[in-house]
Amino acid sequence: MGIFWELMQQDELDKQQKKADSVEERVEQLEAELDKTKVLLRKTLEALEMHISKDIDGDGKLG
């Protein structure tokens, strides 16, 4: 009976590891998506500042 218990425990550990790997992959994807969003937001802000000739973000310069 001990060997069956060990197999069941190992199976559960494997399942938990797969979940952890999946979460890590998702976090990496979300971080990459966030970086792209930040770049797009920065470009949009720069274009808007140039269009309305006003410093929106308070950095002391246009664009």
PDB file of N, CA and C in Angstrom:
ATOM      1  N   MET A   1       0.818  -1.189   0.000  1.00  0.00           N
ATOM      2  CA  MET A   1       0.000   0.000   0.000  1.00  0.00           C
ATOM      3  C   MET A   1       0.862   1.253   0.000  1.00  0.00           C
ATOM      4  N   GLY A   2       2.034   1.206   0.576  1.00  0.00           N
ATOM      5  CA  GLY A   2       2.922   2.366   0.651  1.00  0.00           C
ATOM      6  C   GLY A   2       3.334   2.879  -0.710  1.00  0.00           C
ATOM      7  N   ILE A   3       3.596   1.960  -1.636  1.00  0.00           N
ATOM      8  CA  ILE A   3       4.030   2.382  -2.967  1.00  0.00           C
ATOM      9  C   ILE A   3       2.909   3.105  -3.705  1.00  0.00           C
ATOM     10  N   PHE A   4       1.684   2.682  -3.504  1.00  0.00           N
ATOM     11  CA  PHE A   4       0.548   3.356  -4.145  1.00  0.00           C
ATOM     12  C   PHE A   4       0.377   4.770  -3.590  1.00  0.00           C
ATOM     13  N   TRP A   5       0.561   4.900  -2.279  1.00  0.00           N
ATOM     14  CA  TRP A   5       0.466   6.210  -1.653  1.00  0.00           C
ATOM     15  C   TRP A   5       1.538   7.146  -2.214  1.00  0.00           C
ATOM     16  N   GLU A   6       2.752   6.643  -2.369  1.00  0.00           N
ATOM     17  CA  GLU A   6       3.845   7.437  -2.926  1.00  0.00           C
ATOM     18  C   GLU A   6       3.556   7.845  -4.361  1.00  0.00           C
ATOM     19  N   LEU A   7       2.986   6.926  -5.147  1.00  0.00           N
ATOM     20  CA  LEU A   7       2.628   7.252  -6.527  1.00  0.00           C
ATOM     21  C   LEU A   7       1.555   8.337  -6.581  1.00  0.00           C
ATOM     22  N   MET A   8       0.583   8.244  -5.694  1.00  0.00           N
ATOM     23  CA  MET A   8      -0.472   9.261  -5.649  1.00  0.00           C
ATOM     24  C   MET A   8       0.105  10.615  -5.247  1.00  0.00           C
ATOM     25  N   GLN A   9       1.004  10.612  -4.294  1.00  0.00           N
ATOM     26  CA  GLN A   9       1.627  11.862  -3.866  1.00  0.00           C
ATOM     27  C   GLN A   9       2.469  12.463  -4.989  1.00  0.00           C
ATOM     28  N   GLN A  10       3.209  11.618  -5.686  1.00  0.00           N
ATOM     29  CA  GLN A  10       4.050  12.101  -6.781  1.00  0.00           C
ATOM     30  C   GLN A  10       3.187  12.676  -7.899  1.00  0.00           C
ATOM     31  N   ASP A  11       2.071  12.025  -8.179  1.00  0.00           N
ATOM     32  CA  ASP A  11       1.153  12.525  -9.198  1.00  0.00           C
ATOM     33  C   ASP A  11       0.629  13.904  -8.813  1.00  0.00           C
ATOM     34  N   GLU A  12       0.277  14.067  -7.549  1.00  0.00           N
ATOM     35  CA  GLU A  12      -0.224  15.364  -7.074  1.00  0.00           C
ATOM     36  C   GLU A  12       0.865  16.424  -7.151  1.00  0.00           C
ATOM     37  N   LEU A  13       2.089  16.071  -6.806  1.00  0.00           N
ATOM     38  CA  LEU A  13       3.206  17.006  -6.913  1.00  0.00           C
ATOM     39  C   LEU A  13       3.433  17.422  -8.364  1.00  0.00           C
ATOM     40  N   ASP A  14       3.338  16.477  -9.275  1.00  0.00           N
ATOM     41  CA  ASP A  14       3.494  16.776 -10.700  1.00  0.00           C
ATOM     42  C   ASP A  14       2.410  17.739 -11.190  1.00  0.00           C
ATOM     43  N   LYS A  15       1.178  17.517 -10.729  1.00  0.00           N
ATOM     44  CA  LYS A  15       0.077  18.414 -11.107  1.00  0.00           C
ATOM     45  C   LYS A  15       0.338  19.829 -10.601  1.00  0.00           C
ATOM     46  N   GLN A  16       0.786  19.939  -9.368  1.00  0.00           N
ATOM     47  CA  GLN A  16       1.057  21.253  -8.799  1.00  0.00           C
ATOM     48  C   GLN A  16       2.206  21.945  -9.530  1.00  0.00           C
ATOM     49  N   GLN A  17       3.200  21.190  -9.944  1.00  0.00           N
ATOM     50  CA  GLN A  17       4.328  21.767 -10.678  1.00  0.00           C
ATOM     51  C   GLN A  17       3.864  22.298 -12.027  1.00  0.00           C
ATOM     52  N   LYS A  18       2.993  21.554 -12.705  1.00  0.00           N
ATOM     53  CA  LYS A  18       2.459  22.008 -13.994  1.00  0.00           C
ATOM     54  C   LYS A  18       1.676  23.300 -13.825  1.00  0.00           C
ATOM     55  N   LYS A  19       0.888  23.402 -12.749  1.00  0.00           N
ATOM     56  CA  LYS A  19       0.132  24.628 -12.486  1.00  0.00           C
ATOM     57  C   LYS A  19       1.085  25.797 -12.252  1.00  0.00           C
ATOM     58  N   ALA A  20       2.128  25.555 -11.478  1.00  0.00           N
ATOM     59  CA  ALA A  20       3.100  26.610 -11.190  1.00  0.00           C
ATOM     60  C   ALA A  20       3.796  27.057 -12.468  1.00  0.00           C
ATOM     61  N   ASP A  21       4.185  26.123 -13.302  1.00  0.00           N
ATOM     62  CA  ASP A  21       4.822  26.451 -14.575  1.00  0.00           C
ATOM     63  C   ASP A  21       3.883  27.281 -15.436  1.00  0.00           C
ATOM     64  N   SER A  22       2.617  26.900 -15.456  1.00  0.00           N
ATOM     65  CA  SER A  22       1.623  27.605 -16.246  1.00  0.00           C
ATOM     66  C   SER A  22       1.457  29.040 -15.743  1.00  0.00           C
ATOM     67  N   VAL A  23       1.434  29.218 -14.442  1.00  0.00           N
ATOM     68  CA  VAL A  23       1.293  30.552 -13.865  1.00  0.00           C
ATOM     69  C   VAL A  23       2.515  31.399 -14.210  1.00  0.00           C
ATOM     70  N   GLU A  24       3.696  30.820 -14.121  1.00  0.00           N
ATOM     71  CA  GLU A  24       4.914  31.550 -14.448  1.00  0.00           C
ATOM     72  C   GLU A  24       4.913  31.988 -15.904  1.00  0.00           C
ATOM     73  N   GLU A  25       4.479  31.120 -16.795  1.00  0.00           N
ATOM     74  CA  GLU A  25       4.393  31.469 -18.208  1.00  0.00           C
ATOM     75  C   GLU A  25       3.397  32.606 -18.426  1.00  0.00           C
ATOM     76  N   ARG A  26       2.275  32.543 -17.746  1.00  0.00           N
ATOM     77  CA  ARG A  26       1.255  33.591 -17.878  1.00  0.00           C
ATOM     78  C   ARG A  26       1.777  34.922 -17.360  1.00  0.00           C
ATOM     79  N   VAL A  27       2.504  34.895 -16.249  1.00  0.00           N
ATOM     80  CA  VAL A  27       3.083  36.124 -15.707  1.00  0.00           C
ATOM     81  C   VAL A  27       4.062  36.722 -16.710  1.00  0.00           C
ATOM     82  N   GLU A  28       4.882  35.897 -17.329  1.00  0.00           N
ATOM     83  CA  GLU A  28       5.827  36.384 -18.335  1.00  0.00           C
ATOM     84  C   GLU A  28       5.080  37.021 -19.507  1.00  0.00           C
ATOM     85  N   GLN A  29       3.997  36.390 -19.953  1.00  0.00           N
ATOM     86  CA  GLN A  29       3.201  36.943 -21.044  1.00  0.00           C
ATOM     87  C   GLN A  29       2.596  38.285 -20.645  1.00  0.00           C
ATOM     88  N   LEU A  30       2.071  38.360 -19.439  1.00  0.00           N
ATOM     89  CA  LEU A  30       1.463  39.606 -18.968  1.00  0.00           C
ATOM     90  C   LEU A  30       2.495  40.720 -18.838  1.00  0.00           C
ATOM     91  N   GLU A  31       3.693  40.373 -18.380  1.00  0.00           N
ATOM     92  CA  GLU A  31       4.749  41.378 -18.271  1.00  0.00           C
ATOM     93  C   GLU A  31       5.145  41.907 -19.641  1.00  0.00           C
ATOM     94  N   ALA A  32       5.235  41.023 -20.626  1.00  0.00           N
ATOM     95  CA  ALA A  32       5.567  41.449 -21.985  1.00  0.00           C
ATOM     96  C   ALA A  32       4.456  42.339 -22.556  1.00  0.00           C
ATOM     97  N   GLU A  33       3.220  41.959 -22.307  1.00  0.00           N
ATOM     98  CA  GLU A  33       2.085  42.758 -22.771  1.00  0.00           C
ATOM     99  C   GLU A  33       2.076  44.126 -22.092  1.00  0.00           C
ATOM    100  N   LEU A  34       2.394  44.171 -20.812  1.00  0.00           N
ATOM    101  CA  LEU A  34       2.464  45.437 -20.090  1.00  0.00           C
ATOM    102  C   LEU A  34       3.549  46.339 -20.676  1.00  0.00           C
ATOM    103  N   ASP A  35       4.696  45.780 -20.992  1.00  0.00           N
ATOM    104  CA  ASP A  35       5.772  46.565 -21.598  1.00  0.00           C
ATOM    105  C   ASP A  35       5.327  47.176 -22.924  1.00  0.00           C
ATOM    106  N   LYS A  36       4.640  46.387 -23.741  1.00  0.00           N
ATOM    107  CA  LYS A  36       4.142  46.900 -25.022  1.00  0.00           C
ATOM    108  C   LYS A  36       3.115  48.005 -24.807  1.00  0.00           C
ATOM    109  N   THR A  37       2.273  47.840 -23.815  1.00  0.00           N
ATOM    110  CA  THR A  37       1.254  48.846 -23.510  1.00  0.00           C
ATOM    111  C   THR A  37       1.901  50.148 -23.052  1.00  0.00           C
ATOM    112  N   LYS A  38       2.946  50.042 -22.239  1.00  0.00           N
ATOM    113  CA  LYS A  38       3.654  51.237 -21.779  1.00  0.00           C
ATOM    114  C   LYS A  38       4.280  51.991 -22.950  1.00  0.00           C
ATOM    115  N   VAL A  39       4.871  51.259 -23.877  1.00  0.00           N
ATOM    116  CA  VAL A  39       5.483  51.885 -25.052  1.00  0.00           C
ATOM    117  C   VAL A  39       4.414  52.602 -25.870  1.00  0.00           C
ATOM    118  N   LEU A  40       3.303  51.943 -26.099  1.00  0.00           N
ATOM    119  CA  LEU A  40       2.216  52.550 -26.858  1.00  0.00           C
ATOM    120  C   LEU A  40       1.667  53.783 -26.145  1.00  0.00           C
ATOM    121  N   LEU A  41       1.496  53.708 -24.846  1.00  0.00           N
ATOM    122  CA  LEU A  41       1.001  54.846 -24.078  1.00  0.00           C
ATOM    123  C   LEU A  41       1.964  56.019 -24.173  1.00  0.00           C
ATOM    124  N   ARG A  42       3.246  55.762 -24.067  1.00  0.00           N
ATOM    125  CA  ARG A  42       4.256  56.819 -24.163  1.00  0.00           C
ATOM    126  C   ARG A  42       4.189  57.484 -25.538  1.00  0.00           C
ATOM    127  N   LYS A  43       4.106  56.691 -26.602  1.00  0.00           N
ATOM    128  CA  LYS A  43       4.022  57.245 -27.958  1.00  0.00           C
ATOM    129  C   LYS A  43       2.758  58.077 -28.126  1.00  0.00           C
ATOM    130  N   THR A  44       1.657  57.589 -27.573  1.00  0.00           N
ATOM    131  CA  THR A  44       0.391  58.311 -27.662  1.00  0.00           C
ATOM    132  C   THR A  44       0.470  59.638 -26.918  1.00  0.00           C
ATOM    133  N   LEU A  45       1.055  59.625 -25.730  1.00  0.00           N
ATOM    134  CA  LEU A  45       1.209  60.839 -24.952  1.00  0.00           C
ATOM    135  C   LEU A  45       2.091  61.850 -25.683  1.00  0.00           C
ATOM    136  N   GLU A  46       3.177  61.384 -26.261  1.00  0.00           N
ATOM    137  CA  GLU A  46       4.071  62.277 -26.991  1.00  0.00           C
ATOM    138  C   GLU A  46       3.353  62.894 -28.187  1.00  0.00           C
ATOM    139  N   ALA A  47       2.607  62.099 -28.919  1.00  0.00           N
ATOM    140  CA  ALA A  47       1.876  62.618 -30.072  1.00  0.00           C
ATOM    141  C   ALA A  47       0.812  63.625 -29.628  1.00  0.00           C
ATOM    142  N   LEU A  48       0.119  63.350 -28.546  1.00  0.00           N
ATOM    143  CA  LEU A  48      -0.903  64.256 -28.046  1.00  0.00           C
ATOM    144  C   LEU A  48      -0.286  65.578 -27.593  1.00  0.00           C
ATOM    145  N   GLU A  49       0.832  65.501 -26.885  1.00  0.00           N
ATOM    146  CA  GLU A  49       1.507  66.722 -26.451  1.00  0.00           C
ATOM    147  C   GLU A  49       1.914  67.574 -27.644  1.00  0.00           C
ATOM    148  N   MET A  50       2.429  66.959 -28.661  1.00  0.00           N
ATOM    149  CA  MET A  50       2.828  67.698 -29.859  1.00  0.00           C
ATOM    150  C   MET A  50       1.603  68.296 -30.547  1.00  0.00           C
ATOM    151  N   HIS A  51       0.525  67.562 -30.581  1.00  0.00           N
ATOM    152  CA  HIS A  51      -0.691  68.010 -31.272  1.00  0.00           C
ATOM    153  C   HIS A  51      -1.326  69.218 -30.581  1.00  0.00           C
ATOM    154  N   ILE A  52      -1.380  69.196 -29.252  1.00  0.00           N
ATOM    155  CA  ILE A  52      -2.037  70.294 -28.543  1.00  0.00           C
ATOM    156  C   ILE A  52      -1.030  71.313 -27.992  1.00  0.00           C
ATOM    157  N   SER A  53       0.247  71.071 -28.234  1.00  0.00           N
ATOM    158  CA  SER A  53       1.324  71.973 -27.790  1.00  0.00           C
ATOM    159  C   SER A  53       1.230  72.264 -26.287  1.00  0.00           C
ATOM    160  N   LYS A  54       1.081  71.218 -25.512  1.00  0.00           N
ATOM    161  CA  LYS A  54       0.992  71.370 -24.064  1.00  0.00           C
ATOM    162  C   LYS A  54       1.705  70.197 -23.391  1.00  0.00           C
ATOM    163  N   ASP A  55       2.407  70.498 -22.297  1.00  0.00           N
ATOM    164  CA  ASP A  55       3.095  69.468 -21.510  1.00  0.00           C
ATOM    165  C   ASP A  55       2.087  68.807 -20.580  1.00  0.00           C
ATOM    166  N   ILE A  56       1.631  67.626 -20.943  1.00  0.00           N
ATOM    167  CA  ILE A  56       0.603  66.928 -20.169  1.00  0.00           C
ATOM    168  C   ILE A  56       1.194  66.173 -18.982  1.00  0.00           C
ATOM    169  N   ASP A  57       2.339  65.538 -19.179  1.00  0.00           N
ATOM    170  CA  ASP A  57       2.888  64.682 -18.123  1.00  0.00           C
ATOM    171  C   ASP A  57       3.787  65.416 -17.135  1.00  0.00           C
ATOM    172  N   GLY A  58       3.984  66.715 -17.346  1.00  0.00           N
ATOM    173  CA  GLY A  58       4.752  67.521 -16.388  1.00  0.00           C
ATOM    174  C   GLY A  58       6.238  67.292 -16.394  1.00  0.00           C
ATOM    175  N   ASP A  59       6.767  66.775 -17.504  1.00  0.00           N
ATOM    176  CA  ASP A  59       8.209  66.534 -17.555  1.00  0.00           C
ATOM    177  C   ASP A  59       8.984  67.744 -18.067  1.00  0.00           C
ATOM    178  N   GLY A  60       8.273  68.842 -18.337  1.00  0.00           N
ATOM    179  CA  GLY A  60       8.927  70.057 -18.751  1.00  0.00           C
ATOM    180  C   GLY A  60       9.252  70.160 -20.225  1.00  0.00           C
ATOM    181  N   LYS A  61       8.759  69.217 -21.024  1.00  0.00           N
ATOM    182  CA  LYS A  61       9.018  69.280 -22.463  1.00  0.00           C
ATOM    183  C   LYS A  61       7.817  68.731 -23.230  1.00  0.00           C
ATOM    184  N   LEU A  62       7.736  69.114 -24.473  1.00  0.00           N
ATOM    185  CA  LEU A  62       6.689  68.595 -25.342  1.00  0.00           C
ATOM    186  C   LEU A  62       7.199  67.363 -26.061  1.00  0.00           C
ATOM    187  N   GLY A  63       6.368  66.378 -26.129  1.00  0.00           N
ATOM    188  CA  GLY A  63       6.736  65.158 -26.842  1.00  0.00           C
ATOM    189  C   GLY A  63       7.588  64.217 -26.051  1.00  0.00           C
TER     190      GLY A  63
END
